[in-house]
Amino acid sequence: MFTVTAALTAAQLLSFCTESSEVSAANCSSYIVGVAEADLRSVCLPENSVYAQLVTEFVTKAKAEAPAVLIQMPAAAYLRAQWAENHPCP
């Protein structure tokens, strides 16, 4: 059996990150940590950056974003673009 799954959108990730349940918060953090660790060579996050800071940055920016952008954009791409803007490589 072959299953096709759609990529998590930025809107779906924001939903996980803003829900009050511990499971949702863990899903949010795990997803962001996974993307950050997979992209260590292509993004320049500060060495002293803590993952909680990355979650906070994502939620703050995503809440201010137009909903149409969040619905259409894959979460990983949104995070990478945000990190490139907030933490540009020297």
C-alpha atoms as a PDB file:
ATOM      1  CA  MET A   1       0.000   0.000   0.000  1.00  0.00           C
ATOM      2  CA  PHE A   2       1.238   3.457  -0.895  1.00  0.00           C
ATOM      3  CA  THR A   3       0.092   6.508   1.040  1.00  0.00           C
ATOM      4  CA  VAL A   4       0.483  10.050  -0.193  1.00  0.00           C
ATOM      5  CA  THR A   5       0.537  12.738   2.444  1.00  0.00           C
ATOM      6  CA  ALA A   6       0.468  16.447   1.819  1.00  0.00           C
ATOM      7  CA  ALA A   7       3.159  18.621   3.320  1.00  0.00           C
ATOM      8  CA  LEU A   8       2.280  20.360   6.550  1.00  0.00           C
ATOM      9  CA  THR A   9       1.332  23.958   5.793  1.00  0.00           C
ATOM     10  CA  ALA A  10       2.434  26.965   7.788  1.00  0.00           C
ATOM     11  CA  ALA A  11      -1.216  27.417   8.840  1.00  0.00           C
ATOM     12  CA  GLN A  12      -1.357  23.877  10.214  1.00  0.00           C
ATOM     13  CA  LEU A  13       1.924  24.365  12.070  1.00  0.00           C
ATOM     14  CA  LEU A  14       0.647  27.622  13.566  1.00  0.00           C
ATOM     15  CA  SER A  15      -2.430  25.754  14.738  1.00  0.00           C
ATOM     16  CA  PHE A  16      -0.253  23.176  16.523  1.00  0.00           C
ATOM     17  CA  CYS A  17       1.892  25.902  18.044  1.00  0.00           C
ATOM     18  CA  THR A  18      -1.016  27.918  19.432  1.00  0.00           C
ATOM     19  CA  GLU A  19      -3.221  25.132  20.784  1.00  0.00           C
ATOM     20  CA  SER A  20      -3.179  24.683  24.532  1.00  0.00           C
ATOM     21  CA  SER A  21      -2.633  20.924  24.626  1.00  0.00           C
ATOM     22  CA  GLU A  22       0.765  19.538  25.519  1.00  0.00           C
ATOM     23  CA  VAL A  23       0.601  17.142  22.570  1.00  0.00           C
ATOM     24  CA  SER A  24       0.127  20.006  20.109  1.00  0.00           C
ATOM     25  CA  ALA A  25       2.933  22.015  21.703  1.00  0.00           C
ATOM     26  CA  ALA A  26       5.220  18.985  21.473  1.00  0.00           C
ATOM     27  CA  ASN A  27       4.273  18.471  17.811  1.00  0.00           C
ATOM     28  CA  CYS A  28       5.033  22.127  17.105  1.00  0.00           C
ATOM     29  CA  SER A  29       8.424  22.046  18.800  1.00  0.00           C
ATOM     30  CA  SER A  30       9.378  18.694  17.295  1.00  0.00           C
ATOM     31  CA  TYR A  31       8.575  19.865  13.784  1.00  0.00           C
ATOM     32  CA  ILE A  32      10.559  23.107  14.147  1.00  0.00           C
ATOM     33  CA  VAL A  33      13.522  21.304  15.742  1.00  0.00           C
ATOM     34  CA  GLY A  34      13.483  18.739  12.936  1.00  0.00           C
ATOM     35  CA  VAL A  35      13.550  21.390  10.231  1.00  0.00           C
ATOM     36  CA  ALA A  36      16.259  23.356  12.041  1.00  0.00           C
ATOM     37  CA  GLU A  37      18.476  20.309  12.521  1.00  0.00           C
ATOM     38  CA  ALA A  38      17.980  19.177   8.921  1.00  0.00           C
ATOM     39  CA  ASP A  39      18.985  22.618   7.637  1.00  0.00           C
ATOM     40  CA  LEU A  40      21.975  23.428   9.812  1.00  0.00           C
ATOM     41  CA  ARG A  41      24.192  23.814   6.757  1.00  0.00           C
ATOM     42  CA  SER A  42      21.835  26.091   4.861  1.00  0.00           C
ATOM     43  CA  VAL A  43      20.638  28.438   7.595  1.00  0.00           C
ATOM     44  CA  CYS A  44      22.692  30.557   9.952  1.00  0.00           C
ATOM     45  CA  LEU A  45      20.909  30.287  13.254  1.00  0.00           C
ATOM     46  CA  PRO A  46      22.782  31.827  16.178  1.00  0.00           C
ATOM     47  CA  GLU A  47      24.884  29.265  18.042  1.00  0.00           C
ATOM     48  CA  ASN A  48      23.193  30.202  21.308  1.00  0.00           C
ATOM     49  CA  SER A  49      19.745  29.911  19.741  1.00  0.00           C
ATOM     50  CA  VAL A  50      17.317  27.812  21.719  1.00  0.00           C
ATOM     51  CA  TYR A  51      14.500  26.001  19.990  1.00  0.00           C
ATOM     52  CA  ALA A  52      11.890  27.735  22.147  1.00  0.00           C
ATOM     53  CA  GLN A  53      13.095  31.021  20.630  1.00  0.00           C
ATOM     54  CA  LEU A  54      12.525  29.621  17.129  1.00  0.00           C
ATOM     55  CA  VAL A  55       8.984  28.596  18.074  1.00  0.00           C
ATOM     56  CA  THR A  56       8.281  32.070  19.461  1.00  0.00           C
ATOM     57  CA  GLU A  57       9.690  33.739  16.330  1.00  0.00           C
ATOM     58  CA  PHE A  58       7.545  31.529  14.102  1.00  0.00           C
ATOM     59  CA  VAL A  59       4.325  32.132  16.041  1.00  0.00           C
ATOM     60  CA  THR A  60       4.867  35.896  16.225  1.00  0.00           C
ATOM     61  CA  LYS A  61       5.507  36.284  12.507  1.00  0.00           C
ATOM     62  CA  ALA A  62       2.873  33.779  11.381  1.00  0.00           C
ATOM     63  CA  LYS A  63       0.152  35.464  13.437  1.00  0.00           C
ATOM     64  CA  ALA A  64       0.895  38.727  11.595  1.00  0.00           C
ATOM     65  CA  GLU A  65       0.937  37.050   8.169  1.00  0.00           C
ATOM     66  CA  ALA A  66      -1.950  36.995   5.706  1.00  0.00           C
ATOM     67  CA  PRO A  67      -3.890  33.727   6.168  1.00  0.00           C
ATOM     68  CA  ALA A  68      -3.732  32.949   2.440  1.00  0.00           C
ATOM     69  CA  VAL A  69       0.067  32.823   2.608  1.00  0.00           C
ATOM     70  CA  LEU A  70       0.024  30.427   5.546  1.00  0.00           C
ATOM     71  CA  ILE A  71      -2.517  28.109   3.930  1.00  0.00           C
ATOM     72  CA  GLN A  72      -0.550  27.808   0.699  1.00  0.00           C
ATOM     73  CA  MET A  73       3.029  27.656   1.965  1.00  0.00           C
ATOM     74  CA  PRO A  74       4.653  24.475   3.234  1.00  0.00           C
ATOM     75  CA  ALA A  75       5.723  24.925   6.846  1.00  0.00           C
ATOM     76  CA  ALA A  76       9.349  23.939   6.241  1.00  0.00           C
ATOM     77  CA  ALA A  77       9.704  26.489   3.423  1.00  0.00           C
ATOM     78  CA  TYR A  78       8.064  29.161   5.575  1.00  0.00           C
ATOM     79  CA  LEU A  79      10.477  28.445   8.442  1.00  0.00           C
ATOM     80  CA  ARG A  80      13.517  28.529   6.138  1.00  0.00           C
ATOM     81  CA  ALA A  81      12.416  31.856   4.649  1.00  0.00           C
ATOM     82  CA  GLN A  82      11.807  33.283   8.102  1.00  0.00           C
ATOM     83  CA  TRP A  83      15.201  32.156   9.357  1.00  0.00           C
ATOM     84  CA  ALA A  84      16.917  33.585   6.267  1.00  0.00           C
ATOM     85  CA  GLU A  85      15.241  36.929   7.019  1.00  0.00           C
ATOM     86  CA  ASN A  86      15.789  36.915  10.800  1.00  0.00           C
ATOM     87  CA  HIS A  87      19.203  35.280  10.852  1.00  0.00           C
ATOM     88  CA  PRO A  88      20.997  36.083   7.574  1.00  0.00           C
ATOM     89  CA  CYS A  89      24.301  34.368   6.946  1.00  0.00           C
ATOM     90  CA  PRO A  90      27.336  36.663   7.134  1.00  0.00           C
END
